[in-house]
C-alpha atoms as a PDB file:
ATOM      1  CA  UNK A   1     -41.146  16.814 -52.118  1.00  0.00           C
ATOM      2  CA  UNK A   2     -44.357  14.790 -52.936  1.00  0.00           C
ATOM      3  CA  UNK A   3     -46.428  14.153 -49.833  1.00  0.00           C
ATOM      4  CA  UNK A   4     -45.401  10.450 -50.174  1.00  0.00           C
ATOM      5  CA  UNK A   5     -41.906  11.033 -49.952  1.00  0.00           C
ATOM      6  CA  UNK A   6     -42.328  12.887 -47.317  1.00  0.00           C
ATOM      7  CA  UNK A   7     -44.279  10.724 -45.201  1.00  0.00           C
ATOM      8  CA  UNK A   8     -41.673   7.246 -46.444  1.00  0.00           C
ATOM      9  CA  UNK A   9     -38.872   9.953 -45.266  1.00  0.00           C
ATOM     10  CA  UNK A  10     -40.403  10.415 -41.675  1.00  0.00           C
ATOM     11  CA  UNK A  11     -41.568   6.764 -41.044  1.00  0.00           C
ATOM     12  CA  UNK A  12     -37.756   6.073 -41.976  1.00  0.00           C
ATOM     13  CA  UNK A  13     -36.724   8.577 -39.425  1.00  0.00           C
ATOM     14  CA  UNK A  14     -38.911   7.507 -37.011  1.00  0.00           C
ATOM     15  CA  UNK A  15     -37.658   3.468 -37.470  1.00  0.00           C
ATOM     16  CA  UNK A  16     -34.049   5.073 -37.034  1.00  0.00           C
ATOM     17  CA  UNK A  17     -35.257   7.024 -33.667  1.00  0.00           C
ATOM     18  CA  UNK A  18     -36.628   3.611 -32.514  1.00  0.00           C
ATOM     19  CA  UNK A  19     -33.534   1.663 -33.524  1.00  0.00           C
ATOM     20  CA  UNK A  20     -31.358   3.959 -31.579  1.00  0.00           C
ATOM     21  CA  UNK A  21     -33.416   3.735 -28.538  1.00  0.00           C
ATOM     22  CA  UNK A  22     -33.344   0.187 -28.614  1.00  0.00           C
ATOM     23  CA  UNK A  23     -29.464   0.545 -29.015  1.00  0.00           C
ATOM     24  CA  UNK A  24     -28.980   3.203 -26.278  1.00  0.00           C
ATOM     25  CA  UNK A  25     -31.341   0.807 -23.968  1.00  0.00           C
ATOM     26  CA  UNK A  26     -29.099  -2.362 -24.779  1.00  0.00           C
ATOM     27  CA  UNK A  27     -26.396  -0.178 -24.206  1.00  0.00           C
ATOM     28  CA  UNK A  28     -27.484   1.177 -21.104  1.00  0.00           C
ATOM     29  CA  UNK A  29     -28.560  -2.464 -19.386  1.00  0.00           C
ATOM     30  CA  UNK A  30     -24.682  -3.954 -20.763  1.00  0.00           C
ATOM     31  CA  UNK A  31     -23.471  -0.873 -18.654  1.00  0.00           C
ATOM     32  CA  UNK A  32     -25.765  -1.755 -15.698  1.00  0.00           C
ATOM     33  CA  UNK A  33     -24.673  -5.443 -15.336  1.00  0.00           C
ATOM     34  CA  UNK A  34     -21.016  -4.491 -16.161  1.00  0.00           C
ATOM     35  CA  UNK A  35     -20.697  -2.300 -13.261  1.00  0.00           C
ATOM     36  CA  UNK A  36     -22.874  -4.936 -10.919  1.00  0.00           C
ATOM     37  CA  UNK A  37     -20.104  -7.142 -11.768  1.00  0.00           C
ATOM     38  CA  UNK A  38     -17.493  -4.967 -10.703  1.00  0.00           C
ATOM     39  CA  UNK A  39     -19.115  -4.124  -7.457  1.00  0.00           C
ATOM     40  CA  UNK A  40     -18.794  -7.816  -6.863  1.00  0.00           C
ATOM     41  CA  UNK A  41     -14.873  -7.983  -7.865  1.00  0.00           C
ATOM     42  CA  UNK A  42     -14.498  -4.823  -5.752  1.00  0.00           C
ATOM     43  CA  UNK A  43     -16.654  -6.302  -2.793  1.00  0.00           C
ATOM     44  CA  UNK A  44     -14.785  -9.485  -2.857  1.00  0.00           C
ATOM     45  CA  UNK A  45     -10.997  -7.830  -2.794  1.00  0.00           C
ATOM     46  CA  UNK A  46     -10.422  -9.391  -6.270  1.00  0.00           C
ATOM     47  CA  UNK A  47      -9.944  -6.020  -7.878  1.00  0.00           C
ATOM     48  CA  UNK A  48      -6.187  -6.854  -6.345  1.00  0.00           C
ATOM     49  CA  UNK A  49      -5.482  -9.411  -8.030  1.00  0.00           C
ATOM     50  CA  UNK A  50      -3.812 -10.050 -11.305  1.00  0.00           C
ATOM     51  CA  UNK A  51      -5.782 -10.325 -14.604  1.00  0.00           C
ATOM     52  CA  UNK A  52      -4.284 -13.514 -15.778  1.00  0.00           C
ATOM     53  CA  UNK A  53      -5.787 -15.332 -11.958  1.00  0.00           C
ATOM     54  CA  UNK A  54      -8.929 -13.336 -12.395  1.00  0.00           C
ATOM     55  CA  UNK A  55      -8.985 -14.986 -15.844  1.00  0.00           C
ATOM     56  CA  UNK A  56      -8.178 -18.614 -14.891  1.00  0.00           C
ATOM     57  CA  UNK A  57     -10.222 -18.181 -11.892  1.00  0.00           C
ATOM     58  CA  UNK A  58     -13.476 -17.354 -14.108  1.00  0.00           C
ATOM     59  CA  UNK A  59     -12.572 -20.015 -16.932  1.00  0.00           C
ATOM     60  CA  UNK A  60     -12.894 -22.734 -14.182  1.00  0.00           C
ATOM     61  CA  UNK A  61     -16.872 -21.792 -14.503  1.00  0.00           C
ATOM     62  CA  UNK A  62     -16.606 -23.883 -17.924  1.00  0.00           C
ATOM     63  CA  UNK A  63     -15.029 -27.283 -16.654  1.00  0.00           C
ATOM     64  CA  UNK A  64     -16.904 -27.844 -13.772  1.00  0.00           C
ATOM     65  CA  UNK A  65     -20.246 -29.714 -13.699  1.00  0.00           C
ATOM     66  CA  UNK A  66     -23.312 -28.630 -12.888  1.00  0.00           C
ATOM     67  CA  UNK A  67     -23.623 -30.295  -9.378  1.00  0.00           C
ATOM     68  CA  UNK A  68     -20.529 -28.445  -8.514  1.00  0.00           C
ATOM     69  CA  UNK A  69     -22.163 -24.910  -9.893  1.00  0.00           C
ATOM     70  CA  UNK A  70     -25.147 -25.374  -7.582  1.00  0.00           C
ATOM     71  CA  UNK A  71     -23.016 -25.596  -4.657  1.00  0.00           C
ATOM     72  CA  UNK A  72     -20.921 -22.521  -5.664  1.00  0.00           C
ATOM     73  CA  UNK A  73     -24.027 -20.766  -6.133  1.00  0.00           C
ATOM     74  CA  UNK A  74     -25.353 -22.050  -2.943  1.00  0.00           C
ATOM     75  CA  UNK A  75     -22.534 -20.615  -1.352  1.00  0.00           C
ATOM     76  CA  UNK A  76     -22.953 -16.912  -3.063  1.00  0.00           C
ATOM     77  CA  UNK A  77     -26.633 -16.949  -1.918  1.00  0.00           C
ATOM     78  CA  UNK A  78     -25.295 -17.656   2.106  1.00  0.00           C
ATOM     79  CA  UNK A  79     -22.609 -14.609   1.462  1.00  0.00           C
ATOM     80  CA  UNK A  80     -25.609 -11.863   0.495  1.00  0.00           C
ATOM     81  CA  UNK A  81     -27.902 -13.327   3.015  1.00  0.00           C
ATOM     82  CA  UNK A  82     -25.679 -12.932   5.913  1.00  0.00           C
ATOM     83  CA  UNK A  83     -24.673  -9.411   4.434  1.00  0.00           C
ATOM     84  CA  UNK A  84     -27.903  -8.318   4.080  1.00  0.00           C
ATOM     85  CA  UNK A  85     -28.691  -9.373   7.576  1.00  0.00           C
ATOM     86  CA  UNK A  86     -25.457  -7.437   8.725  1.00  0.00           C
ATOM     87  CA  UNK A  87     -26.257  -4.263   6.691  1.00  0.00           C
ATOM     88  CA  UNK A  88     -29.920  -4.431   8.566  1.00  0.00           C
ATOM     89  CA  UNK A  89     -28.374  -4.816  12.007  1.00  0.00           C
ATOM     90  CA  UNK A  90     -26.052  -1.793  11.066  1.00  0.00           C
ATOM     91  CA  UNK A  91     -23.036  -3.741  10.984  1.00  0.00           C
ATOM     92  CA  UNK A  92     -20.197  -1.553   9.992  1.00  0.00           C
ATOM     93  CA  UNK A  93     -18.639  -4.168   8.598  1.00  0.00           C
ATOM     94  CA  UNK A  94     -21.286  -5.285   5.877  1.00  0.00           C
ATOM     95  CA  UNK A  95     -19.520  -3.918   2.691  1.00  0.00           C
ATOM     96  CA  UNK A  96     -16.755  -6.366   3.176  1.00  0.00           C
END
């Protein structure tokens, strides 16, 4: 194998490794996000709910206006602030 061919081959291997690292990183990031969402669903006691109910609940996001979304976001912020305060005070119920 000529030196040029060898270098071309090695360069291609490096490119493939780089692409694989990017795919793995992306996959890891997606997995991390899915775990976060799953934890939220569990934290709110929604794991026991019917899949159709959850789907309908989430689809509501697409039929409400921006003002309603902002109100919902603020409710979520308040939930996490209160949860954080309970956690800091050592309240055993902070997981609920």
